[in-house]
Amino acid sequence: MTKHPGTIPVLDGIRVFSMTWVVLGHAYNGALYGLENATEVGRLIKSNATMMSVIGGVFAVDTFFFLSGLLVAYLGIKHLNKTNGRINVPLMYLQRYLRLTPAYAFAILFCMSLYRYCGSGPYWTEVADSFREQCINIWWTNLLYINNFYPAINYCFPVAWYLANDMQFYILSPIFLYAFYRSKIAGSLLIGFICFGSMLTSGLLTYFSELQPIAVLFSLQASVFFRFFINTSVPMELSYADKFQTDTYTTPWCRISVYMIGMATGLLIYEKKRKIKMHWAVALLGWIAAVGTACAILYGLFPQVRDVSLLSRDLSTFYETFARPMWALCVAWLTVACISGYGGPITTFLDWSAFKPLSRLTYSVFLIHFLVLTGYLTVQERPFHLSHVNVVFYYLSSLAISFGCGFVLSICIEWPIMGLMKLAFPGAKPKPVKQTSNVYSQQEEKTAMQTDVEKSKAEVVVNGNGIKTHEVHDNSGFEAEKQTMQHTAL
């Protein structure tokens, strides 16, 4: 498959792997409820350290936030420099809303109505009706992308908290882009300040509310005592005071640090013209540090998971403060090293052309995958027997069906909407090159040719969630200038 100039390699591969990681985490998490062998769950979860890779799927969400920030910054600053600092911000917001919302709205409508008639089983009707009840009065909060704020507990399309956060970050992005365009120092300081503030907020909430990392909570939930003697049902009501004091997972102020690191990486890549030179020893040390840090984040809590023990308040605060930003820095190194020529076979693999069509489906897969996973469990005529073999078959089949359903959703709604957007917001035609004489100097001719190529070549378009789905061109806003569509990674 042809790769267009100006694209950033390896991002397609990162998207696809992150999406499959999200589905894997949800597969195991969903399988924990209504089990036949509930007393064995703890042993299976704690049996080996590889389960930490499954629990660590929560960091796939941070990868998508990172990709969103990177692409918005890279394409945004590129557009600002090409237009002398002009962005049609309202049009930029409109295009983004139209890009994401139709498929999202259809998924919510389908979840509330037709999903109930797509299967049958002991749990099917009950679960399908619960989907409807959870959305019937508050579906509009999802379409306004405020479902992570209102109501305090919002179970309508539960994975959609990611979309709300990503849209809110996207709305704020022009502030950082303009600041960096006017002053690189001021823009960098602003990004750093927001990142530090987000980390500080996560740390303070964790410390004063005595919160624990998700991996530790997962091991507690899987323990026999916890499952049989502790109420594990999700609360149906929660005050805003409790939400803002205890929720470090879905609130934007605890998530934006990763987005800021993504933006900083995108700006760096643009400023260095997608080629950062370094000594081979520095590159080697960078890979060792990145891999070591990522493994520490994923597997460092295994002793607590194995022993079903809580972290001390100080250690839990340290982990919750630095885990997500450090993960983002690891992904930043992966991206920078690969595009700069220091990735070797990793770059070759992640830039494999087979990932490109799959990456275009990640947004639709994100919207549909939890319905597929839930559907499989609710049609079972007996409780699910949790074993690694059963979950692997359950996961792989659900993943394949999710990509198949995602393809149908894309060709029926997502891609036609992108075609209509292309018609509604046509790109500006290249301005004719003024000729002051019949003879061009060699440099003038070269510049004119470069201008024509730059204005006519296909640009990858990113919708800002980090998930890619289609290609569209529109020079009226920087998102339309290069939209490689997205996902939501959750």
Protein backbone atom coordinates (compact mmCIF):
# COMPACT_ATOMS: atom_id res chain seq x y z
CA MET A 1 0.00 0.00 0.00
CA THR A 2 1.38 3.40 -0.99
CA LYS A 3 2.57 5.63 1.83
CA HIS A 4 2.13 9.34 1.28
CA PRO A 5 4.94 11.78 2.01
CA GLY A 6 4.61 13.58 5.31
CA THR A 7 2.94 10.72 7.16
CA ILE A 8 4.34 9.48 10.44
CA PRO A 9 5.31 5.80 10.26
CA VAL A 10 4.53 3.19 12.94
CA LEU A 11 1.35 4.93 14.15
CA ASP A 12 -0.92 2.48 12.33
CA GLY A 13 0.71 -0.47 14.06
CA ILE A 14 0.55 1.22 17.47
CA ARG A 15 -3.16 1.95 16.94
CA VAL A 16 -4.04 -1.61 16.00
CA PHE A 17 -2.12 -3.19 18.86
CA SER A 18 -3.59 -0.72 21.35
CA MET A 19 -7.10 -1.50 20.16
CA THR A 20 -6.56 -5.24 20.47
CA TRP A 21 -5.17 -4.63 23.97
CA VAL A 22 -8.30 -2.71 24.96
CA VAL A 23 -10.52 -5.57 23.76
CA LEU A 24 -8.37 -8.10 25.64
CA GLY A 25 -8.71 -6.21 28.90
CA HIS A 26 -12.46 -5.88 28.51
CA ALA A 27 -12.75 -9.59 27.64
CA TYR A 28 -11.14 -10.67 30.90
CA ASN A 29 -12.93 -8.03 32.94
CA GLY A 30 -16.35 -8.95 31.52
CA ALA A 31 -15.73 -12.65 32.08
CA LEU A 32 -15.36 -12.13 35.84
CA TYR A 33 -19.12 -11.79 36.33
CA GLY A 34 -21.50 -14.76 36.51
CA LEU A 35 -18.77 -17.39 36.64
CA GLU A 36 -19.11 -21.11 37.10
CA ASN A 37 -15.77 -21.40 38.91
CA ALA A 38 -15.71 -18.22 40.98
CA THR A 39 -13.54 -19.80 43.68
CA GLU A 40 -10.72 -20.42 41.17
CA VAL A 41 -10.59 -16.90 39.79
CA GLY A 42 -8.01 -15.67 42.27
CA ARG A 43 -5.67 -18.55 41.52
CA LEU A 44 -5.94 -17.98 37.76
CA ILE A 45 -5.33 -14.26 38.08
CA LYS A 46 -2.40 -14.65 40.44
CA SER A 47 -0.87 -17.77 38.88
CA ASN A 48 1.71 -15.98 36.75
CA ALA A 49 3.00 -12.53 36.02
CA THR A 50 1.76 -12.57 32.43
CA MET A 51 -1.71 -11.65 33.67
CA MET A 52 -0.24 -8.24 34.49
CA SER A 53 -0.14 -7.65 30.73
CA VAL A 54 -3.91 -8.13 30.62
CA ILE A 55 -4.56 -5.91 33.63
CA GLY A 56 -2.18 -3.36 32.12
CA GLY A 57 -4.59 -2.91 29.21
CA VAL A 58 -5.72 0.27 30.97
CA PHE A 59 -2.53 1.87 29.62
CA ALA A 60 -3.73 1.28 26.05
CA VAL A 61 -6.16 4.14 26.72
CA ASP A 62 -3.20 6.37 27.59
CA THR A 63 -1.55 5.34 24.33
CA PHE A 64 -4.59 6.63 22.44
CA PHE A 65 -4.56 9.89 24.39
CA PHE A 66 -0.88 10.23 23.53
CA LEU A 67 -1.52 9.60 19.82
CA SER A 68 -4.33 12.15 19.82
CA GLY A 69 -2.16 14.84 21.33
CA LEU A 70 0.74 14.02 19.02
CA LEU A 71 -1.30 14.19 15.82
CA VAL A 72 -3.26 17.30 16.80
CA ALA A 73 -0.02 19.12 17.64
CA TYR A 74 1.92 17.89 14.61
CA LEU A 75 -0.81 18.73 12.12
CA GLY A 76 -1.90 21.88 13.94
CA ILE A 77 1.50 23.56 14.07
CA LYS A 78 2.09 22.53 10.47
CA HIS A 79 -1.15 24.24 9.45
CA LEU A 80 -0.33 27.37 11.47
CA ASN A 81 3.04 27.73 9.79
CA LYS A 82 1.50 27.27 6.34
CA THR A 83 -1.25 29.84 6.96
CA ASN A 84 0.74 32.42 8.94
CA GLY A 85 -1.03 31.61 12.19
CA ARG A 86 -4.63 31.32 10.97
CA ILE A 87 -7.03 28.57 12.06
CA ASN A 88 -10.78 28.61 11.63
CA VAL A 89 -11.42 27.32 15.14
CA PRO A 90 -15.25 27.09 14.96
CA LEU A 91 -15.02 25.15 11.70
CA MET A 92 -12.35 22.95 13.21
CA TYR A 93 -14.69 22.08 16.08
CA LEU A 94 -17.62 21.50 13.72
CA GLN A 95 -15.65 19.15 11.52
CA ARG A 96 -14.48 17.18 14.53
CA TYR A 97 -18.02 16.89 15.89
CA LEU A 98 -19.39 15.76 12.54
CA ARG A 99 -16.53 13.34 12.15
CA LEU A 100 -17.16 11.50 15.43
CA THR A 101 -20.81 11.86 16.28
CA PRO A 102 -22.86 10.08 13.55
CA ALA A 103 -21.32 6.64 14.13
CA TYR A 104 -21.32 7.27 17.88
CA ALA A 105 -24.99 8.29 17.87
CA PHE A 106 -25.92 5.23 15.81
CA ALA A 107 -24.09 2.95 18.27
CA ILE A 108 -26.02 4.47 21.19
CA LEU A 109 -29.34 4.19 19.32
CA PHE A 110 -28.61 0.60 18.37
CA CYS A 111 -27.66 -0.19 21.97
CA MET A 112 -30.97 1.26 23.21
CA SER A 113 -33.24 -0.34 20.64
CA LEU A 114 -32.23 -2.98 18.09
CA TYR A 115 -29.62 -4.70 20.23
CA ARG A 116 -32.37 -6.32 22.29
CA TYR A 117 -33.57 -8.25 19.21
CA CYS A 118 -30.16 -9.46 18.06
CA GLY A 119 -29.95 -12.47 20.37
CA SER A 120 -31.51 -14.47 23.15
CA GLY A 121 -30.35 -16.23 26.26
CA PRO A 122 -30.67 -16.39 30.04
CA TYR A 123 -29.09 -12.98 30.56
CA TRP A 124 -29.64 -11.34 27.17
CA THR A 125 -32.93 -9.56 27.76
CA GLU A 126 -31.95 -8.36 31.21
CA VAL A 127 -28.66 -6.90 30.00
CA ALA A 128 -30.16 -5.41 26.82
CA ASP A 129 -32.90 -3.73 28.85
CA SER A 130 -30.31 -2.36 31.26
CA PHE A 131 -28.49 -0.74 28.32
CA ARG A 132 -31.72 1.02 27.38
CA GLU A 133 -32.53 2.11 30.92
CA GLN A 134 -29.05 3.51 31.44
CA CYS A 135 -29.34 5.73 28.36
CA ILE A 136 -33.02 6.59 28.03
CA ASN A 137 -32.84 9.85 29.99
CA ILE A 138 -29.20 10.91 29.61
CA TRP A 139 -28.21 9.91 26.07
CA TRP A 140 -27.87 13.59 25.16
CA THR A 141 -24.94 13.99 27.56
CA ASN A 142 -22.97 11.57 25.40
CA LEU A 143 -23.72 13.50 22.22
CA LEU A 144 -22.59 16.71 23.94
CA TYR A 145 -19.45 14.93 25.15
CA ILE A 146 -20.06 15.81 28.80
CA ASN A 147 -20.88 12.29 29.95
CA ASN A 148 -17.72 12.16 32.06
CA PHE A 149 -19.16 15.05 34.12
CA TYR A 150 -22.93 14.69 34.13
CA PRO A 151 -24.50 12.90 35.82
CA ALA A 152 -21.99 12.01 38.52
CA ILE A 153 -22.38 8.35 37.51
CA ASN A 154 -23.11 7.84 33.83
CA TYR A 155 -23.41 4.25 32.62
CA CYS A 156 -24.82 5.12 29.21
CA PHE A 157 -22.44 3.52 26.72
CA PRO A 158 -19.82 3.04 29.46
CA VAL A 159 -16.69 3.07 27.29
CA ALA A 160 -17.60 6.52 25.94
CA TRP A 161 -15.93 8.40 28.79
CA TYR A 162 -12.83 8.28 26.60
CA LEU A 163 -14.55 10.17 23.78
CA ALA A 164 -15.70 12.88 26.19
CA ASN A 165 -12.18 13.40 27.50
CA ASP A 166 -10.66 13.41 24.06
CA MET A 167 -13.16 15.94 22.73
CA GLN A 168 -12.54 18.21 25.70
CA PHE A 169 -8.78 18.02 25.14
CA TYR A 170 -9.29 18.74 21.45
CA ILE A 171 -11.33 21.85 22.27
CA LEU A 172 -8.44 23.11 24.42
CA SER A 173 -5.74 22.27 21.87
CA PRO A 174 -5.80 25.59 19.90
CA ILE A 175 -4.69 27.40 23.07
CA PHE A 176 -1.48 25.38 23.23
CA LEU A 177 -0.91 25.53 19.48
CA TYR A 178 -1.27 29.30 19.32
CA ALA A 179 0.97 29.71 22.35
CA PHE A 180 3.69 27.56 20.79
CA TYR A 181 3.34 29.27 17.42
CA ARG A 182 3.81 32.71 19.00
CA SER A 183 6.58 31.65 21.35
CA LYS A 184 8.13 28.21 21.51
CA ILE A 185 9.27 28.84 25.06
CA ALA A 186 5.88 30.08 26.26
CA GLY A 187 4.06 27.23 24.53
CA SER A 188 6.41 24.62 25.96
CA LEU A 189 6.09 26.07 29.46
CA LEU A 190 2.30 26.09 29.20
CA ILE A 191 2.22 22.44 28.12
CA GLY A 192 4.63 21.53 30.91
CA PHE A 193 2.60 23.44 33.49
CA ILE A 194 -0.65 21.65 32.56
CA CYS A 195 1.13 18.29 32.57
CA PHE A 196 2.62 18.95 36.02
CA GLY A 197 -0.73 20.17 37.35
CA SER A 198 -2.46 17.02 36.14
CA MET A 199 0.16 14.79 37.77
CA LEU A 200 -0.07 16.76 41.01
CA THR A 201 -3.87 16.46 41.02
CA SER A 202 -3.72 12.69 40.52
CA GLY A 203 -1.20 12.36 43.33
CA LEU A 204 -3.15 14.49 45.80
CA LEU A 205 -6.44 12.70 45.11
CA THR A 206 -4.75 9.34 45.52
CA TYR A 207 -3.08 10.36 48.77
CA PHE A 208 -6.01 12.00 50.54
CA SER A 209 -8.63 9.49 49.32
CA GLU A 210 -6.29 6.54 49.94
CA LEU A 211 -6.82 5.12 46.46
CA GLN A 212 -5.15 2.01 45.05
CA PRO A 213 -3.89 1.22 41.52
CA ILE A 214 -6.31 -0.67 39.26
CA ALA A 215 -4.10 -3.78 39.25
CA VAL A 216 -4.38 -4.07 43.03
CA LEU A 217 -8.14 -3.54 42.95
CA PHE A 218 -8.43 -6.18 40.22
CA SER A 219 -6.64 -8.76 42.38
CA LEU A 220 -8.88 -7.90 45.33
CA GLN A 221 -11.96 -8.31 43.19
CA ALA A 222 -10.75 -11.72 42.04
CA SER A 223 -10.07 -13.01 45.56
CA VAL A 224 -12.51 -15.49 47.10
CA PHE A 225 -13.14 -13.44 50.24
CA PHE A 226 -13.72 -10.23 48.32
CA ARG A 227 -16.11 -11.85 45.83
CA PHE A 228 -18.24 -13.56 48.47
CA PHE A 229 -18.22 -11.18 51.41
CA ILE A 230 -17.74 -7.70 49.92
CA ASN A 231 -20.37 -5.88 47.90
CA THR A 232 -18.81 -5.60 44.43
CA SER A 233 -21.81 -4.10 42.68
CA VAL A 234 -21.26 -0.74 41.05
CA PRO A 235 -22.94 2.18 42.83
CA MET A 236 -26.00 3.63 41.12
CA GLU A 237 -25.71 7.01 42.83
CA LEU A 238 -22.69 9.08 43.70
CA SER A 239 -22.32 12.65 44.85
CA TYR A 240 -20.14 15.04 42.88
CA ALA A 241 -17.97 15.51 45.95
CA ASP A 242 -17.27 11.78 46.08
CA LYS A 243 -16.71 11.57 42.33
CA PHE A 244 -14.21 14.40 42.18
CA GLN A 245 -12.39 13.10 45.25
CA THR A 246 -12.13 9.47 44.18
CA ASP A 247 -12.30 9.35 40.36
CA THR A 248 -8.82 9.49 38.88
CA TYR A 249 -9.75 7.32 35.90
CA THR A 250 -12.38 9.18 33.84
CA THR A 251 -11.85 12.80 34.88
CA PRO A 252 -9.97 14.99 32.37
CA TRP A 253 -7.74 16.69 34.94
CA CYS A 254 -6.20 13.31 35.76
CA ARG A 255 -5.83 12.30 32.10
CA ILE A 256 -4.61 15.40 30.32
CA SER A 257 -0.96 14.91 31.33
CA VAL A 258 -0.61 12.12 28.77
CA TYR A 259 -2.28 14.26 26.10
CA MET A 260 0.19 17.06 26.86
CA ILE A 261 3.14 14.70 26.46
CA GLY A 262 1.66 13.64 23.12
CA MET A 263 1.41 17.28 22.03
CA ALA A 264 4.98 17.96 23.12
CA THR A 265 6.14 14.95 21.09
CA GLY A 266 4.22 16.11 18.02
CA LEU A 267 5.73 19.58 18.24
CA LEU A 268 9.21 18.09 18.66
CA ILE A 269 8.75 15.86 15.63
CA TYR A 270 7.63 18.82 13.54
CA GLU A 271 10.43 21.11 14.70
CA LYS A 272 13.04 18.44 13.97
CA LYS A 273 11.44 17.68 10.59
CA ARG A 274 10.64 14.10 11.62
CA LYS A 275 14.32 13.21 11.98
CA ILE A 276 16.08 13.48 15.33
CA LYS A 277 19.75 12.59 15.11
CA MET A 278 21.46 10.86 18.02
CA HIS A 279 24.50 8.70 18.68
CA TRP A 280 23.88 4.96 18.53
CA ALA A 281 24.82 4.65 22.21
CA VAL A 282 22.18 7.23 23.14
CA ALA A 283 19.60 5.35 21.07
CA LEU A 284 20.54 2.08 22.79
CA LEU A 285 20.26 3.66 26.25
CA GLY A 286 16.92 5.16 25.24
CA TRP A 287 15.55 1.75 24.26
CA ILE A 288 16.82 0.15 27.47
CA ALA A 289 15.27 2.92 29.57
CA ALA A 290 11.95 2.83 27.70
CA VAL A 291 11.56 -0.95 27.80
CA GLY A 292 12.67 -1.12 31.44
CA THR A 293 10.25 1.62 32.48
CA ALA A 294 7.33 0.08 30.59
CA CYS A 295 8.00 -3.33 32.18
CA ALA A 296 8.24 -1.75 35.63
CA ILE A 297 4.88 -0.02 35.11
CA LEU A 298 3.19 -3.22 33.89
CA TYR A 299 4.80 -5.83 36.13
CA GLY A 300 6.07 -3.87 39.12
CA LEU A 301 2.88 -4.47 41.11
CA PHE A 302 2.89 -8.24 40.64
CA PRO A 303 3.96 -8.97 44.25
CA GLN A 304 0.90 -7.07 45.52
CA VAL A 305 -1.39 -8.79 43.00
CA ARG A 306 0.02 -12.21 43.86
CA ASP A 307 -0.30 -11.66 47.60
CA VAL A 308 -3.55 -9.66 47.37
CA SER A 309 -2.02 -6.89 49.47
CA LEU A 310 -2.51 -3.14 49.41
CA LEU A 311 0.20 -0.62 48.65
CA SER A 312 1.17 1.87 51.30
CA ARG A 313 -0.37 5.31 50.86
CA ASP A 314 2.97 6.84 49.80
CA LEU A 315 3.79 4.11 47.28
CA SER A 316 0.29 4.16 45.84
CA THR A 317 0.51 7.93 45.46
CA PHE A 318 3.87 7.65 43.72
CA TYR A 319 2.58 5.03 41.28
CA GLU A 320 -0.64 6.87 40.43
CA THR A 321 1.25 10.14 39.96
CA PHE A 322 3.92 8.88 37.58
CA ALA A 323 2.65 5.67 35.93
CA ARG A 324 0.60 7.26 33.13
CA PRO A 325 3.02 10.07 32.23
CA MET A 326 5.96 7.66 32.24
CA TRP A 327 4.02 5.28 30.02
CA ALA A 328 3.41 8.17 27.63
CA LEU A 329 7.14 8.93 27.62
CA CYS A 330 7.84 5.29 26.71
CA VAL A 331 5.45 5.51 23.76
CA ALA A 332 7.01 8.86 22.85
CA TRP A 333 10.43 7.22 22.69
CA LEU A 334 9.05 4.39 20.57
CA THR A 335 7.60 6.89 18.12
CA VAL A 336 10.60 9.23 17.98
CA ALA A 337 13.16 6.43 17.73
CA CYS A 338 11.26 4.66 14.94
CA ILE A 339 10.69 7.74 12.78
CA SER A 340 14.31 8.80 13.27
CA GLY A 341 15.69 5.51 12.01
CA TYR A 342 16.63 3.87 15.31
CA GLY A 343 13.82 1.33 15.49
CA GLY A 344 15.23 -1.38 13.22
CA PRO A 345 12.88 -4.35 12.89
CA ILE A 346 10.38 -2.71 15.26
CA THR A 347 9.89 0.11 12.77
CA THR A 348 9.58 -2.35 9.89
CA PHE A 349 6.94 -4.34 11.72
CA LEU A 350 4.84 -1.44 13.07
CA ASP A 351 4.94 0.25 9.66
CA TRP A 352 3.73 -2.91 7.92
CA SER A 353 1.20 -1.96 5.27
CA ALA A 354 -1.28 -4.58 6.54
CA PHE A 355 -1.90 -2.41 9.63
CA LYS A 356 -3.13 0.52 7.56
CA PRO A 357 -6.61 -0.81 6.65
CA LEU A 358 -7.07 -2.24 10.13
CA SER A 359 -6.16 1.07 11.73
CA ARG A 360 -8.94 2.74 9.75
CA LEU A 361 -11.43 0.54 11.58
CA THR A 362 -10.26 1.17 15.13
CA TYR A 363 -12.83 3.87 15.87
CA SER A 364 -15.73 1.67 14.79
CA VAL A 365 -14.25 -1.32 16.62
CA PHE A 366 -14.02 0.78 19.77
CA LEU A 367 -17.70 1.67 19.49
CA ILE A 368 -18.91 -1.86 18.86
CA HIS A 369 -16.56 -4.23 20.69
CA PHE A 370 -18.15 -4.11 24.15
CA LEU A 371 -21.54 -5.04 22.64
CA VAL A 372 -19.92 -8.06 21.00
CA LEU A 373 -18.19 -9.12 24.22
CA THR A 374 -21.35 -8.66 26.27
CA GLY A 375 -23.43 -10.49 23.68
CA TYR A 376 -21.25 -13.58 23.84
CA LEU A 377 -21.51 -13.83 27.62
CA THR A 378 -25.24 -13.17 27.84
CA VAL A 379 -26.28 -15.89 25.38
CA GLN A 380 -24.54 -18.65 27.33
CA GLU A 381 -26.92 -21.24 28.73
CA ARG A 382 -24.67 -21.86 31.69
CA PRO A 383 -22.28 -19.66 33.68
CA PHE A 384 -18.97 -18.99 31.97
CA HIS A 385 -16.09 -21.25 33.03
CA LEU A 386 -13.09 -18.98 33.40
CA SER A 387 -9.85 -20.43 32.09
CA HIS A 388 -7.11 -18.90 30.00
CA VAL A 389 -7.96 -21.20 27.07
CA ASN A 390 -11.66 -20.29 27.17
CA VAL A 391 -10.91 -16.57 27.40
CA VAL A 392 -8.42 -16.75 24.52
CA PHE A 393 -11.03 -18.30 22.21
CA TYR A 394 -13.66 -15.89 23.53
CA TYR A 395 -11.28 -12.96 22.95
CA LEU A 396 -10.06 -13.91 19.48
CA SER A 397 -13.54 -14.67 18.16
CA SER A 398 -14.94 -11.45 19.65
CA LEU A 399 -12.03 -9.46 18.22
CA ALA A 400 -12.63 -10.86 14.73
CA ILE A 401 -16.37 -10.19 14.95
CA SER A 402 -15.71 -6.69 16.28
CA PHE A 403 -13.52 -5.84 13.30
CA GLY A 404 -16.13 -7.32 10.97
CA CYS A 405 -18.95 -5.31 12.55
CA GLY A 406 -16.66 -2.30 12.65
CA PHE A 407 -16.16 -2.59 8.90
CA VAL A 408 -19.92 -2.63 8.35
CA LEU A 409 -20.36 0.42 10.61
CA SER A 410 -17.58 2.22 8.74
CA ILE A 411 -18.89 1.62 5.23
CA CYS A 412 -22.51 2.35 6.20
CA ILE A 413 -22.04 5.46 8.35
CA GLU A 414 -18.53 6.61 9.10
CA TRP A 415 -17.01 6.74 5.63
CA PRO A 416 -20.12 8.13 3.87
CA ILE A 417 -20.18 10.93 6.45
CA MET A 418 -16.55 11.67 5.63
CA GLY A 419 -17.45 11.82 1.95
CA LEU A 420 -20.26 14.28 2.68
CA MET A 421 -17.87 16.37 4.76
CA LYS A 422 -15.49 16.48 1.84
CA LEU A 423 -18.29 17.84 -0.34
CA ALA A 424 -19.53 20.27 2.29
CA PHE A 425 -16.07 21.63 3.11
CA PRO A 426 -14.13 21.52 -0.14
CA GLY A 427 -10.44 22.32 0.07
CA ALA A 428 -9.22 25.61 -1.22
CA LYS A 429 -7.76 25.49 -4.68
CA PRO A 430 -4.03 26.20 -4.96
CA LYS A 431 -3.34 29.79 -5.84
CA PRO A 432 -1.75 30.27 -9.24
CA VAL A 433 1.95 31.04 -9.18
CA LYS A 434 2.62 34.58 -10.29
CA GLN A 435 5.10 34.94 -13.14
CA THR A 436 7.08 38.15 -13.43
CA SER A 437 9.01 36.95 -16.43
CA ASN A 438 9.05 34.12 -18.93
CA VAL A 439 12.14 32.67 -17.38
CA TYR A 440 12.17 31.01 -13.97
CA SER A 441 15.31 30.62 -12.04
CA GLN A 442 16.01 27.03 -11.07
CA GLN A 443 15.23 27.78 -7.43
CA GLU A 444 11.91 29.52 -8.27
CA GLU A 445 10.81 26.58 -10.40
CA LYS A 446 11.72 24.12 -7.68
CA THR A 447 9.79 26.16 -5.10
CA ALA A 448 6.69 26.36 -7.32
CA MET A 449 6.75 22.63 -7.96
CA GLN A 450 7.07 21.92 -4.24
CA THR A 451 4.13 24.20 -3.52
CA ASP A 452 1.91 22.45 -6.05
CA VAL A 453 2.85 19.04 -4.74
CA GLU A 454 2.32 20.14 -1.15
CA LYS A 455 -1.18 21.41 -1.91
CA SER A 456 -2.26 18.43 -3.97
CA LYS A 457 -0.82 15.45 -2.18
CA ALA A 458 -3.05 13.30 -0.01
CA GLU A 459 -2.63 14.06 3.65
CA VAL A 460 -3.45 11.69 6.40
CA VAL A 461 -6.29 13.02 8.48
CA VAL A 462 -6.56 12.54 12.20
CA ASN A 463 -9.72 13.09 14.15
CA GLY A 464 -7.80 13.61 17.30
CA ASN A 465 -8.69 10.51 19.31
CA GLY A 466 -5.77 8.67 18.03
CA ILE A 467 -7.90 6.27 16.09
CA LYS A 468 -7.76 6.00 12.44
CA THR A 469 -10.59 5.20 10.11
CA HIS A 470 -10.48 6.93 6.77
CA GLU A 471 -8.80 9.64 4.73
CA VAL A 472 -10.36 12.97 3.91
CA HIS A 473 -9.02 16.30 2.72
CA ASP A 474 -10.14 19.76 3.58
CA ASN A 475 -7.89 22.79 3.82
CA SER A 476 -10.41 24.91 5.72
CA GLY A 477 -9.34 23.56 9.10
CA PHE A 478 -6.20 21.80 10.22
CA GLU A 479 -8.06 18.65 11.22
CA ALA A 480 -9.45 18.41 7.72
CA GLU A 481 -6.05 19.20 6.31
CA LYS A 482 -4.90 15.85 7.56
CA GLN A 483 -7.37 13.49 9.11
CA THR A 484 -6.25 9.95 9.65
CA MET A 485 -9.36 9.20 11.60
CA GLN A 486 -9.42 7.67 14.82
CA HIS A 487 -10.55 5.38 17.49
CA THR A 488 -11.31 5.99 20.78
CA ALA A 489 -9.41 3.78 22.45
CA LEU A 490 -11.26 3.73 25.15
